[in-house]
Amino acid sequence: MEKPTVFVRRASGIVRSASPTDAMMFNYNSVNLGYTLFLCMMVLTLPGAILVGSLILTILLIVPFLLVYAFFTAIMPRSGGDYVFVSRTMRRVFSWGPLLGFMGNASVWLAEIIFLAIQSLWVPTIYMSSAFATLGYLTGNTIFISWAHLLTTPRFSLVIALIVIIGIGLTMLPGIKFHLRFQWLLWIVGMLGAIISILVLWSVFLGGGHNAFVNAFNEFALRHMGPDAYNQILVSLEKDFNFTAMPPDPRWTLFATGALFTSFGYAYFSTYYAGEIREANLVKNQIYSMFTPVFLILVVTLLIIIPLQSIAGSVFLGGTQLISLIAAESWPLPVMPSVFFFIGLLIENPILNIIVQISGVAWNLLICAILFPMLTRCIFAWSFDRVFPEKLAAVDTRFHSPYAAVIFITILAGFLATLFTFWREATELAYIAVYGASGIMIVTAFLFVSIAAILFPFVMKDIYQVSPVSKYKVGKFPLMSIVGVASTAVMLMFAYMYFTIPELGIAASPMAQLIVATTIIVATVVYLIAKVVQRFRGIDLSIVYAQIPPE
């Protein structure tokens, strides 16, 4: 019998068809303008947080974190991203080091597969429903209103969710380049809506200002709340929720970065399919693809948030978001508050309003889309290393796509979406898992990769010295280690926030804490089983982790 090779194959079977600009667009979609605007509304619920200050501070804090990923990706541009980085680095530190790479990567993977299922259900029940409701009530179109209600019913929402999951899965089968064309299309739609929103908001800001927004809101709410609805809501916020204007608080401005990190921090996401990006070994390309979207999203967000905050009022924006989060049943209007709803109130042209509302749906479809490459490539990387079944590393010879992993993720996400639709307890557990996901990722994935960056130039000196990163030094000390130290400090700070501040993390949820512990235990058990099984087959996984996977 032929002795098994170290890896499943001597070549991955995947080709580099995506460009650095494709990766930049992908990371823009990963940070995601729609999700960032939602988080900005969330920040306004925190007492005394200065939103613009929190946005700028978040960017400064994630610089070392993104440099860690940029450096590692340039050194080891392979499918699986941080799984490969940490497992190979920590293997040089101690024999069980590869477990840390798998544990961290698996924790991110678990959170994201659950989030993919939930997000696919949110597309019809929240985003499409809100878009149709906004357009329906603004134009008096009863068909749109009936569609808005239909989209929230369990069976219909599940059908749409499955169409989203299967549809995106189908775009993955012809290869990453084809899938990225699909993302480019959604990105163009999303950006068209963003440009219209910016022009509308600044025209109102420079024209009618606050009174124009109040009048537009009151006109919409008149038949539901009577006259002066805007001030009715402000009075209710103070009386029923003790929510009112607070003096600026630097402490909460800092704490808000913990929430904003969950959008801007995702600018590294192209690392998971780096094995399919041309010239991914160039540091300048990694910096371009990761940092450009961060600054572009920051600029676009500020261009939307600054005028909106001025004309609508911080208390109104934060307060309406608070009601939607903790007392949605008491919201008096048929459309839940959101940035796209408030912008829609200011647009008189129905065509422009349709574009803006569709753009809101496009941004949220993109959240589902960016998760597929990450989820499938991690599965592929684990299987290629023989930690998962080898069949999941199968690649189509025509399209060079890991079709088995794509089919697996599509089926699993569809199953979870069905489960969450009809089993209430599973849905509640899934929400808790996602709620605690930030804590899991900080502690296991991002912290481990930051520590690995500190050690890499010293424990993998043979690879580091011939890498494009070795020329970046401060004096004689590797810049990679310096940014690793800084990133570790930032990740520890975020971990402290998530584990101690109920508004941000898992401190208030014992179940979320249990999920964190369970994730670590399950990942360890899976790794141990793989190690034992492969040893029986005559394969030592420690030898696998002694090498960088082939291209």
Protein backbone atom coordinates (compact mmCIF):
# COMPACT_ATOMS: atom_id res chain seq x y z
CA MET A 1 0.00 0.00 0.00
CA GLU A 2 1.28 3.45 -0.94
CA LYS A 3 2.20 5.55 2.07
CA PRO A 4 -0.10 8.58 2.51
CA THR A 5 1.34 11.96 1.60
CA VAL A 6 1.77 14.60 4.30
CA PHE A 7 -1.10 16.66 2.88
CA VAL A 8 -4.16 15.37 1.04
CA ARG A 9 -2.49 16.34 -2.26
CA ARG A 10 0.86 17.68 -3.40
CA ALA A 11 -0.93 20.78 -4.72
CA SER A 12 -4.02 22.51 -3.40
CA GLY A 13 -5.79 22.58 -6.78
CA ILE A 14 -6.80 26.19 -6.15
CA VAL A 15 -5.57 28.93 -8.50
CA ARG A 16 -4.92 32.64 -7.99
CA SER A 17 -7.67 34.29 -10.06
CA ALA A 18 -8.69 37.23 -7.83
CA SER A 19 -6.92 40.60 -7.96
CA PRO A 20 -5.80 42.81 -5.04
CA THR A 21 -8.64 45.19 -5.97
CA ASP A 22 -11.09 42.28 -5.71
CA ALA A 23 -9.72 41.66 -2.23
CA MET A 24 -10.09 45.34 -1.36
CA MET A 25 -13.75 45.31 -2.44
CA PHE A 26 -14.32 42.08 -0.51
CA ASN A 27 -12.89 43.64 2.65
CA TYR A 28 -15.04 46.74 2.09
CA ASN A 29 -18.05 44.44 2.03
CA SER A 30 -16.75 42.67 5.14
CA VAL A 31 -16.52 45.90 7.12
CA ASN A 32 -19.91 46.58 5.49
CA LEU A 33 -21.43 50.03 5.34
CA GLY A 34 -24.91 48.84 6.30
CA TYR A 35 -23.67 47.04 9.41
CA THR A 36 -21.40 49.96 10.34
CA LEU A 37 -24.34 52.38 10.19
CA PHE A 38 -26.34 50.02 12.42
CA LEU A 39 -23.47 49.98 14.93
CA CYS A 40 -23.34 53.78 14.86
CA MET A 41 -26.98 53.79 15.95
CA MET A 42 -26.03 51.33 18.70
CA VAL A 43 -23.21 53.60 19.90
CA LEU A 44 -25.72 56.43 20.29
CA THR A 45 -27.55 54.30 22.90
CA LEU A 46 -24.46 54.38 25.14
CA PRO A 47 -24.54 57.21 27.72
CA GLY A 48 -22.22 60.03 26.71
CA ALA A 49 -20.39 58.18 23.93
CA ILE A 50 -19.06 60.58 21.28
CA LEU A 51 -19.77 58.74 18.02
CA VAL A 52 -17.28 60.51 15.76
CA GLY A 53 -14.59 60.16 18.43
CA SER A 54 -15.32 56.44 18.80
CA LEU A 55 -15.10 55.93 15.03
CA ILE A 56 -11.71 57.61 14.76
CA LEU A 57 -10.39 55.89 17.89
CA THR A 58 -11.46 52.50 16.53
CA ILE A 59 -9.44 53.07 13.36
CA LEU A 60 -6.34 53.95 15.39
CA LEU A 61 -6.73 50.89 17.62
CA ILE A 62 -7.05 48.38 14.77
CA VAL A 63 -3.95 49.54 12.87
CA PRO A 64 -1.59 47.04 14.60
CA PHE A 65 -4.22 44.29 14.37
CA LEU A 66 -4.59 44.72 10.61
CA LEU A 67 -0.81 44.96 10.16
CA VAL A 68 -0.47 41.60 11.91
CA TYR A 69 -2.84 40.04 9.37
CA ALA A 70 -1.26 41.92 6.46
CA PHE A 71 2.22 40.66 7.38
CA PHE A 72 1.13 37.08 8.01
CA THR A 73 -0.90 36.94 4.80
CA ALA A 74 2.04 38.20 2.75
CA ILE A 75 4.27 35.52 4.31
CA MET A 76 1.78 32.64 4.06
CA PRO A 77 -0.94 33.47 1.50
CA ARG A 78 -2.93 30.27 1.90
CA SER A 79 -6.54 29.23 2.36
CA GLY A 80 -7.57 29.23 6.01
CA GLY A 81 -5.82 32.42 7.07
CA ASP A 82 -5.11 32.56 10.79
CA TYR A 83 -5.52 28.78 11.11
CA VAL A 84 -2.37 28.38 9.02
CA PHE A 85 -0.51 31.29 10.65
CA VAL A 86 -1.01 30.23 14.26
CA SER A 87 -0.76 26.45 13.80
CA ARG A 88 2.58 26.70 11.98
CA THR A 89 4.05 29.33 14.29
CA MET A 90 2.98 27.81 17.60
CA ARG A 91 4.13 24.36 16.51
CA ARG A 92 7.68 25.73 16.81
CA VAL A 93 6.92 26.86 20.37
CA PHE A 94 5.46 23.67 21.84
CA SER A 95 4.13 20.36 20.50
CA TRP A 96 0.47 21.17 21.10
CA GLY A 97 0.81 24.61 19.54
CA PRO A 98 -1.17 23.70 16.38
CA LEU A 99 -4.21 23.14 18.59
CA LEU A 100 -4.29 26.88 19.28
CA GLY A 101 -4.48 27.59 15.57
CA PHE A 102 -7.36 25.18 15.06
CA MET A 103 -9.14 26.26 18.25
CA GLY A 104 -9.03 29.95 17.37
CA ASN A 105 -10.03 29.45 13.75
CA ALA A 106 -12.81 27.02 14.69
CA SER A 107 -14.27 29.50 17.18
CA VAL A 108 -14.55 32.13 14.44
CA TRP A 109 -15.95 29.54 12.04
CA LEU A 110 -18.62 28.38 14.51
CA ALA A 111 -19.75 31.93 15.22
CA GLU A 112 -19.90 32.76 11.51
CA ILE A 113 -21.83 29.67 10.37
CA ILE A 114 -24.48 30.45 13.00
CA PHE A 115 -24.47 34.09 11.96
CA LEU A 116 -24.84 33.13 8.27
CA ALA A 117 -28.04 31.22 9.08
CA ILE A 118 -29.40 34.04 11.25
CA GLN A 119 -28.42 36.75 8.76
CA SER A 120 -30.10 34.88 5.90
CA LEU A 121 -33.33 34.95 7.93
CA TRP A 122 -32.84 38.63 8.77
CA VAL A 123 -32.65 39.49 5.04
CA PRO A 124 -36.42 38.92 4.55
CA THR A 125 -37.73 39.49 8.09
CA ILE A 126 -35.84 42.71 8.85
CA TYR A 127 -34.17 44.24 5.81
CA MET A 128 -36.51 43.40 2.92
CA SER A 129 -39.57 43.83 5.15
CA SER A 130 -38.36 47.22 6.36
CA ALA A 131 -37.58 48.33 2.80
CA PHE A 132 -41.04 47.37 1.52
CA ALA A 133 -42.74 48.87 4.58
CA THR A 134 -40.84 52.14 4.18
CA LEU A 135 -41.72 52.40 0.50
CA GLY A 136 -45.28 51.22 1.06
CA TYR A 137 -46.18 53.66 3.80
CA LEU A 138 -44.34 56.57 2.17
CA THR A 139 -46.05 56.07 -1.20
CA GLY A 140 -49.35 54.60 -0.01
CA ASN A 141 -48.68 51.42 -2.01
CA THR A 142 -50.70 48.67 -0.28
CA ILE A 143 -48.98 45.91 -2.27
CA PHE A 144 -45.60 46.86 -0.79
CA ILE A 145 -47.17 46.94 2.69
CA SER A 146 -48.66 43.46 2.26
CA TRP A 147 -45.30 42.15 1.04
CA ALA A 148 -43.63 43.65 4.10
CA HIS A 149 -45.97 41.68 6.37
CA LEU A 150 -45.66 38.50 4.28
CA LEU A 151 -41.86 38.58 4.53
CA THR A 152 -42.05 38.30 8.33
CA THR A 153 -44.07 35.05 8.30
CA PRO A 154 -41.98 31.97 9.23
CA ARG A 155 -42.50 29.85 6.13
CA PHE A 156 -42.11 32.66 3.62
CA SER A 157 -39.05 34.07 5.37
CA LEU A 158 -37.47 30.61 5.39
CA VAL A 159 -38.05 30.25 1.65
CA ILE A 160 -36.28 33.58 1.02
CA ALA A 161 -33.46 32.63 3.42
CA LEU A 162 -32.91 29.33 1.61
CA ILE A 163 -32.90 31.13 -1.74
CA VAL A 164 -30.23 33.49 -0.36
CA ILE A 165 -28.08 30.63 0.96
CA ILE A 166 -28.42 28.38 -2.09
CA GLY A 167 -28.06 31.31 -4.48
CA ILE A 168 -24.80 32.48 -2.91
CA GLY A 169 -23.59 28.89 -2.75
CA LEU A 170 -24.17 28.57 -6.50
CA THR A 171 -22.06 31.68 -7.15
CA MET A 172 -19.21 29.98 -5.27
CA LEU A 173 -19.13 26.81 -7.39
CA PRO A 174 -17.65 28.40 -10.57
CA GLY A 175 -14.75 29.75 -8.52
CA ILE A 176 -13.88 32.77 -6.43
CA LYS A 177 -13.60 35.15 -9.41
CA PHE A 178 -17.20 34.46 -10.45
CA HIS A 179 -18.40 34.91 -6.88
CA LEU A 180 -16.55 38.21 -6.57
CA ARG A 181 -18.32 39.50 -9.69
CA PHE A 182 -21.57 38.88 -7.82
CA GLN A 183 -20.21 40.85 -4.88
CA TRP A 184 -19.10 43.69 -7.17
CA LEU A 185 -22.69 43.94 -8.47
CA LEU A 186 -24.12 44.20 -4.95
CA TRP A 187 -21.36 46.65 -3.99
CA ILE A 188 -22.29 48.95 -6.89
CA VAL A 189 -25.96 48.88 -5.84
CA GLY A 190 -25.00 49.56 -2.23
CA MET A 191 -22.69 52.45 -3.12
CA LEU A 192 -25.26 54.01 -5.44
CA GLY A 193 -27.68 54.13 -2.51
CA ALA A 194 -24.94 55.54 -0.27
CA ILE A 195 -24.17 58.35 -2.73
CA ILE A 196 -27.86 59.27 -2.98
CA SER A 197 -28.13 59.20 0.82
CA ILE A 198 -25.13 61.51 1.23
CA LEU A 199 -26.49 64.02 -1.28
CA VAL A 200 -29.96 64.01 0.32
CA LEU A 201 -28.68 64.34 3.89
CA TRP A 202 -26.29 67.18 3.12
CA SER A 203 -28.92 69.05 1.11
CA VAL A 204 -31.28 68.85 4.11
CA PHE A 205 -28.45 69.70 6.52
CA LEU A 206 -27.53 72.81 4.52
CA GLY A 207 -31.17 73.68 3.86
CA GLY A 208 -34.04 73.02 6.27
CA GLY A 209 -31.87 71.33 8.90
CA HIS A 210 -33.45 69.93 12.05
CA ASN A 211 -36.89 71.37 11.34
CA ALA A 212 -36.99 69.67 7.94
CA PHE A 213 -36.37 66.26 9.50
CA VAL A 214 -38.89 66.83 12.31
CA ASN A 215 -41.54 67.91 9.80
CA ALA A 216 -40.88 64.88 7.57
CA PHE A 217 -41.05 62.50 10.53
CA ASN A 218 -44.19 64.10 11.95
CA GLU A 219 -45.90 63.97 8.57
CA PHE A 220 -45.20 60.24 8.26
CA ALA A 221 -46.24 59.49 11.86
CA LEU A 222 -49.38 61.68 11.89
CA ARG A 223 -51.88 58.91 11.16
CA HIS A 224 -50.25 56.57 13.69
CA MET A 225 -49.40 58.90 16.58
CA GLY A 226 -51.20 62.16 15.98
CA PRO A 227 -49.46 65.55 15.80
CA ASP A 228 -45.94 66.28 17.06
CA ALA A 229 -44.82 62.62 17.05
CA TYR A 230 -41.12 63.56 17.20
CA ASN A 231 -41.47 65.26 20.58
CA GLN A 232 -43.84 62.55 21.81
CA ILE A 233 -41.03 60.04 21.33
CA LEU A 234 -38.50 62.24 23.14
CA VAL A 235 -40.88 62.60 26.10
CA SER A 236 -41.50 58.84 26.15
CA LEU A 237 -37.77 58.14 26.06
CA GLU A 238 -37.15 60.29 29.12
CA LYS A 239 -40.22 59.12 31.02
CA ASP A 240 -40.30 55.38 30.22
CA PHE A 241 -36.65 54.60 29.51
CA ASN A 242 -34.80 57.31 31.46
CA PHE A 243 -33.00 58.09 28.20
CA THR A 244 -32.00 61.70 27.70
CA ALA A 245 -29.03 63.81 26.63
CA MET A 246 -25.85 63.04 28.58
CA PRO A 247 -22.60 65.01 28.83
CA PRO A 248 -19.70 63.61 26.76
CA ASP A 249 -18.06 60.66 28.51
CA PRO A 250 -14.55 59.62 27.38
CA ARG A 251 -14.98 56.25 29.11
CA TRP A 252 -18.03 55.28 27.02
CA THR A 253 -16.41 56.77 23.93
CA LEU A 254 -13.61 54.23 24.44
CA PHE A 255 -15.99 51.38 25.31
CA ALA A 256 -17.91 52.01 22.07
CA THR A 257 -14.82 50.96 20.12
CA GLY A 258 -15.55 47.42 21.29
CA ALA A 259 -18.77 47.48 19.26
CA LEU A 260 -17.27 49.25 16.24
CA PHE A 261 -14.40 46.75 16.13
CA THR A 262 -16.91 44.10 15.02
CA SER A 263 -17.26 45.95 11.72
CA PHE A 264 -13.93 47.71 11.04
CA GLY A 265 -11.94 44.77 12.40
CA TYR A 266 -13.28 42.58 9.58
CA ALA A 267 -11.12 44.37 7.02
CA TYR A 268 -8.72 41.40 7.23
CA PHE A 269 -11.29 38.87 5.93
CA SER A 270 -9.68 38.35 2.51
CA THR A 271 -6.91 36.48 4.31
CA TYR A 272 -9.11 33.37 4.38
CA TYR A 273 -8.94 32.95 0.59
CA ALA A 274 -5.47 34.48 0.13
CA GLY A 275 -4.44 31.36 -1.80
CA GLU A 276 -6.66 32.60 -4.63
CA ILE A 277 -5.41 36.22 -4.80
CA ARG A 278 -2.72 37.23 -7.29
CA GLU A 279 0.45 38.79 -5.84
CA ALA A 280 -0.84 38.15 -2.33
CA ASN A 281 2.77 37.81 -1.15
CA LEU A 282 3.36 41.55 -1.60
CA VAL A 283 3.01 43.49 1.65
CA LYS A 284 1.87 46.61 -0.22
CA ASN A 285 -1.04 44.66 -1.73
CA GLN A 286 -2.13 43.41 1.69
CA ILE A 287 -1.96 46.90 3.18
CA TYR A 288 -3.90 48.25 0.19
CA SER A 289 -6.62 45.60 0.40
CA MET A 290 -7.07 45.86 4.19
CA PHE A 291 -6.55 49.54 4.99
CA THR A 292 -8.21 51.14 1.96
CA PRO A 293 -11.70 49.82 2.82
CA VAL A 294 -11.31 50.92 6.44
CA PHE A 295 -10.65 54.52 5.48
CA LEU A 296 -13.25 54.52 2.69
CA ILE A 297 -15.95 53.18 5.02
CA LEU A 298 -14.92 55.73 7.65
CA VAL A 299 -15.29 58.60 5.17
CA VAL A 300 -18.65 57.38 3.82
CA THR A 301 -19.94 56.72 7.34
CA LEU A 302 -18.97 60.21 8.50
CA LEU A 303 -20.58 61.75 5.41
CA ILE A 304 -23.84 60.01 6.38
CA ILE A 305 -23.72 60.15 10.18
CA ILE A 306 -22.63 63.79 10.67
CA PRO A 307 -25.60 65.37 8.84
CA LEU A 308 -28.07 62.72 10.07
CA GLN A 309 -27.01 63.20 13.68
CA SER A 310 -27.35 66.95 13.29
CA ILE A 311 -30.80 67.03 11.68
CA ALA A 312 -32.37 64.13 13.60
CA GLY A 313 -30.65 64.59 16.96
CA SER A 314 -28.44 62.13 18.84
CA VAL A 315 -31.04 61.48 21.54
CA PHE A 316 -33.73 60.70 18.97
CA LEU A 317 -31.49 58.37 16.93
CA GLY A 318 -30.08 56.56 19.97
CA GLY A 319 -33.42 56.44 21.75
CA THR A 320 -35.35 54.98 18.83
CA GLN A 321 -32.63 52.35 18.41
CA LEU A 322 -32.88 51.55 22.13
CA ILE A 323 -36.64 51.03 21.85
CA SER A 324 -36.17 48.68 18.89
CA LEU A 325 -33.66 46.63 20.90
CA ILE A 326 -35.35 46.28 24.28
CA ALA A 327 -39.02 47.15 23.71
CA ALA A 328 -39.79 46.68 20.02
CA GLU A 329 -43.45 45.99 20.78
CA SER A 330 -43.85 49.53 22.12
CA TRP A 331 -42.56 51.21 18.94
CA PRO A 332 -45.63 53.12 17.69
CA LEU A 333 -44.88 53.11 13.95
CA PRO A 334 -45.32 50.30 11.38
CA VAL A 335 -41.67 50.62 10.27
CA MET A 336 -38.86 49.94 12.72
CA PRO A 337 -36.27 52.73 13.12
CA SER A 338 -33.15 52.46 10.99
CA VAL A 339 -30.78 54.73 9.11
CA PHE A 340 -32.35 53.77 5.78
CA PHE A 341 -35.88 54.46 7.09
CA PHE A 342 -34.90 57.91 8.35
CA ILE A 343 -33.18 58.74 5.05
CA GLY A 344 -36.24 57.49 3.18
CA LEU A 345 -38.39 60.04 5.01
CA LEU A 346 -36.37 62.82 3.39
CA ILE A 347 -36.53 61.57 -0.22
CA GLU A 348 -39.50 62.75 -2.26
CA ASN A 349 -38.53 61.03 -5.52
CA PRO A 350 -39.88 57.43 -5.36
CA ILE A 351 -37.24 56.08 -7.77
CA LEU A 352 -34.40 57.44 -5.64
CA ASN A 353 -36.08 56.08 -2.52
CA ILE A 354 -36.39 52.62 -4.08
CA ILE A 355 -32.65 52.68 -4.89
CA VAL A 356 -31.75 53.67 -1.31
CA GLN A 357 -33.96 50.97 0.21
CA ILE A 358 -32.61 48.31 -2.19
CA SER A 359 -29.08 49.40 -1.28
CA GLY A 360 -29.87 48.67 2.37
CA VAL A 361 -30.88 45.13 1.39
CA ALA A 362 -27.76 44.79 -0.79
CA TRP A 363 -25.41 45.61 2.09
CA ASN A 364 -27.03 42.92 4.21
CA LEU A 365 -26.96 40.36 1.42
CA LEU A 366 -23.23 41.08 1.23
CA ILE A 367 -22.84 40.02 4.86
CA CYS A 368 -24.05 36.56 3.83
CA ALA A 369 -21.85 36.66 0.73
CA ILE A 370 -18.58 37.47 2.52
CA LEU A 371 -19.12 34.62 4.98
CA PHE A 372 -19.15 31.92 2.29
CA PRO A 373 -15.47 32.27 1.22
CA MET A 374 -14.36 32.34 4.86
CA LEU A 375 -16.41 29.31 5.92
CA THR A 376 -15.57 27.19 2.89
CA ARG A 377 -11.85 27.97 2.84
CA CYS A 378 -11.42 27.18 6.53
CA ILE A 379 -13.13 23.81 6.02
CA PHE A 380 -10.89 23.24 3.00
CA ALA A 381 -7.74 24.11 4.99
CA TRP A 382 -8.66 21.80 7.88
CA SER A 383 -9.40 18.96 5.47
CA PHE A 384 -6.23 19.55 3.46
CA ASP A 385 -4.29 19.16 6.73
CA ARG A 386 -6.36 16.01 7.49
CA VAL A 387 -8.01 17.43 10.62
CA PHE A 388 -11.40 17.15 8.90
CA PRO A 389 -12.53 14.47 6.41
CA GLU A 390 -10.36 14.56 3.31
CA LYS A 391 -13.35 14.55 0.96
CA LEU A 392 -14.11 18.13 2.02
CA ALA A 393 -10.81 19.20 0.41
CA ALA A 394 -12.03 18.09 -3.02
CA VAL A 395 -11.51 20.69 -5.77
CA ASP A 396 -13.22 20.91 -9.15
CA THR A 397 -10.61 20.52 -11.89
CA ARG A 398 -12.38 22.92 -14.26
CA PHE A 399 -13.24 25.82 -11.96
CA HIS A 400 -10.59 25.14 -9.26
CA SER A 401 -13.29 25.57 -6.63
CA PRO A 402 -13.49 23.55 -3.37
CA TYR A 403 -16.96 22.36 -4.34
CA ALA A 404 -17.31 19.81 -1.53
CA ALA A 405 -16.78 22.49 1.13
CA VAL A 406 -19.23 24.81 -0.68
CA ILE A 407 -21.93 22.12 -0.78
CA PHE A 408 -21.29 21.26 2.87
CA ILE A 409 -21.62 24.90 4.02
CA THR A 410 -24.74 25.45 1.89
CA ILE A 411 -26.47 22.40 3.37
CA LEU A 412 -25.39 23.19 6.93
CA ALA A 413 -26.46 26.85 6.73
CA GLY A 414 -29.80 25.84 5.21
CA PHE A 415 -30.37 23.27 7.96
CA LEU A 416 -29.56 25.82 10.68
CA ALA A 417 -31.87 28.41 9.10
CA THR A 418 -34.68 25.84 9.09
CA LEU A 419 -33.93 24.90 12.69
CA PHE A 420 -33.94 28.53 13.82
CA THR A 421 -37.25 29.15 12.03
CA PHE A 422 -39.27 26.43 13.73
CA TRP A 423 -37.47 25.75 17.03
CA ARG A 424 -37.64 28.78 19.29
CA GLU A 425 -35.15 27.44 21.85
CA ALA A 426 -32.56 26.91 19.12
CA THR A 427 -33.08 30.46 17.92
CA GLU A 428 -32.56 31.89 21.39
CA LEU A 429 -29.41 29.79 21.83
CA ALA A 430 -28.13 30.95 18.44
CA TYR A 431 -28.62 34.60 19.38
CA ILE A 432 -26.70 34.02 22.60
CA ALA A 433 -23.93 32.28 20.64
CA VAL A 434 -23.62 35.24 18.27
CA TYR A 435 -23.87 37.64 21.23
CA GLY A 436 -20.93 35.84 22.82
CA ALA A 437 -19.08 35.37 19.55
CA SER A 438 -16.98 38.50 19.94
CA GLY A 439 -15.65 37.24 23.25
CA ILE A 440 -14.82 33.85 21.75
CA MET A 441 -13.00 35.34 18.78
CA ILE A 442 -11.04 37.86 20.82
CA VAL A 443 -9.81 35.30 23.34
CA THR A 444 -9.03 32.42 20.99
CA ALA A 445 -8.46 33.68 17.46
CA PHE A 446 -7.34 37.29 17.42
CA LEU A 447 -5.34 37.08 20.62
CA PHE A 448 -3.54 33.92 19.45
CA VAL A 449 -2.65 35.38 16.05
CA SER A 450 -1.34 38.56 17.73
CA ILE A 451 0.88 36.52 20.05
CA ALA A 452 2.03 34.41 17.10
CA ALA A 453 3.10 37.61 15.32
CA ILE A 454 5.36 38.48 18.26
CA LEU A 455 7.04 35.09 18.16
CA PHE A 456 7.16 34.41 14.41
CA PRO A 457 10.37 36.31 13.53
CA PHE A 458 12.22 34.37 16.24
CA VAL A 459 10.73 30.85 16.17
CA MET A 460 10.34 30.67 12.36
CA LYS A 461 13.49 32.58 11.51
CA ASP A 462 14.14 30.45 8.41
CA ILE A 463 10.86 31.51 6.81
CA TYR A 464 10.81 35.04 8.21
CA GLN A 465 14.25 36.00 6.89
CA VAL A 466 13.33 35.17 3.28
CA SER A 467 9.87 36.73 3.56
CA PRO A 468 8.91 40.19 2.25
CA VAL A 469 8.18 41.26 5.84
CA SER A 470 11.75 40.88 7.12
CA LYS A 471 12.86 44.26 5.75
CA TYR A 472 10.41 46.12 8.00
CA LYS A 473 12.23 46.88 11.26
CA VAL A 474 12.48 49.51 13.96
CA GLY A 475 16.20 49.66 14.52
CA LYS A 476 17.13 45.98 14.58
CA PHE A 477 13.81 44.80 16.03
CA PRO A 478 11.20 43.23 13.70
CA LEU A 479 8.22 45.51 13.07
CA MET A 480 6.07 42.37 12.95
CA SER A 481 6.83 41.64 16.61
CA ILE A 482 6.20 45.26 17.60
CA VAL A 483 2.76 45.38 15.98
CA GLY A 484 2.11 41.94 17.50
CA VAL A 485 2.71 43.38 20.97
CA ALA A 486 0.45 46.36 20.23
CA SER A 487 -2.26 44.12 18.77
CA THR A 488 -2.08 41.81 21.79
CA ALA A 489 -2.61 44.78 24.10
CA VAL A 490 -5.61 45.96 22.06
CA MET A 491 -7.13 42.45 21.98
CA LEU A 492 -6.73 42.12 25.75
CA MET A 493 -8.47 45.47 26.16
CA PHE A 494 -11.36 44.37 23.94
CA ALA A 495 -11.55 41.03 25.76
CA TYR A 496 -11.84 42.90 29.06
CA MET A 497 -14.67 44.98 27.61
CA TYR A 498 -16.58 41.99 26.24
CA PHE A 499 -16.26 40.00 29.44
CA THR A 500 -17.02 42.82 31.89
CA ILE A 501 -19.38 45.30 30.18
CA PRO A 502 -22.89 43.83 29.70
CA GLU A 503 -23.75 46.29 26.90
CA LEU A 504 -20.86 44.98 24.77
CA GLY A 505 -20.20 41.36 25.47
CA ILE A 506 -20.99 38.22 27.36
CA ALA A 507 -20.74 39.43 30.96
CA ALA A 508 -24.51 39.40 31.52
CA SER A 509 -25.10 35.98 29.96
CA PRO A 510 -23.99 32.81 31.76
CA MET A 511 -25.16 30.84 28.71
CA ALA A 512 -22.85 32.86 26.46
CA GLN A 513 -19.97 32.16 28.84
CA LEU A 514 -20.86 28.45 28.67
CA ILE A 515 -20.82 28.62 24.87
CA VAL A 516 -17.32 30.13 24.97
CA ALA A 517 -16.09 27.26 27.14
CA THR A 518 -17.93 24.64 25.08
CA THR A 519 -16.44 25.94 21.83
CA ILE A 520 -12.93 25.60 23.20
CA ILE A 521 -13.64 22.09 24.51
CA VAL A 522 -15.28 20.87 21.28
CA ALA A 523 -12.43 22.23 19.14
CA THR A 524 -9.93 20.44 21.38
CA VAL A 525 -11.84 17.15 21.16
CA VAL A 526 -12.11 17.36 17.35
CA TYR A 527 -8.38 18.01 17.08
CA LEU A 528 -7.53 15.11 19.39
CA ILE A 529 -9.77 12.73 17.45
CA ALA A 530 -8.11 13.79 14.19
CA LYS A 531 -4.67 13.29 15.71
CA VAL A 532 -5.53 9.76 16.87
CA VAL A 533 -7.24 8.76 13.61
CA GLN A 534 -4.36 9.97 11.46
CA ARG A 535 -1.80 8.26 13.68
CA PHE A 536 -3.59 4.95 13.04
CA ARG A 537 -3.23 5.72 9.33
CA GLY A 538 0.48 6.30 9.75
CA ILE A 539 0.32 10.10 9.51
CA ASP A 540 1.80 12.33 12.19
CA LEU A 541 -0.06 15.65 12.26
CA SER A 542 2.95 17.33 13.82
CA ILE A 543 4.78 16.74 10.52
CA VAL A 544 1.86 18.36 8.67
CA TYR A 545 2.18 21.47 10.80
CA ALA A 546 5.93 21.60 10.28
CA GLN A 547 5.28 22.67 6.69
CA ILE A 548 3.38 25.48 4.99
CA PRO A 549 0.61 24.01 2.80
CA PRO A 550 1.54 23.83 -0.89
CA GLU A 551 -0.04 26.15 -3.44
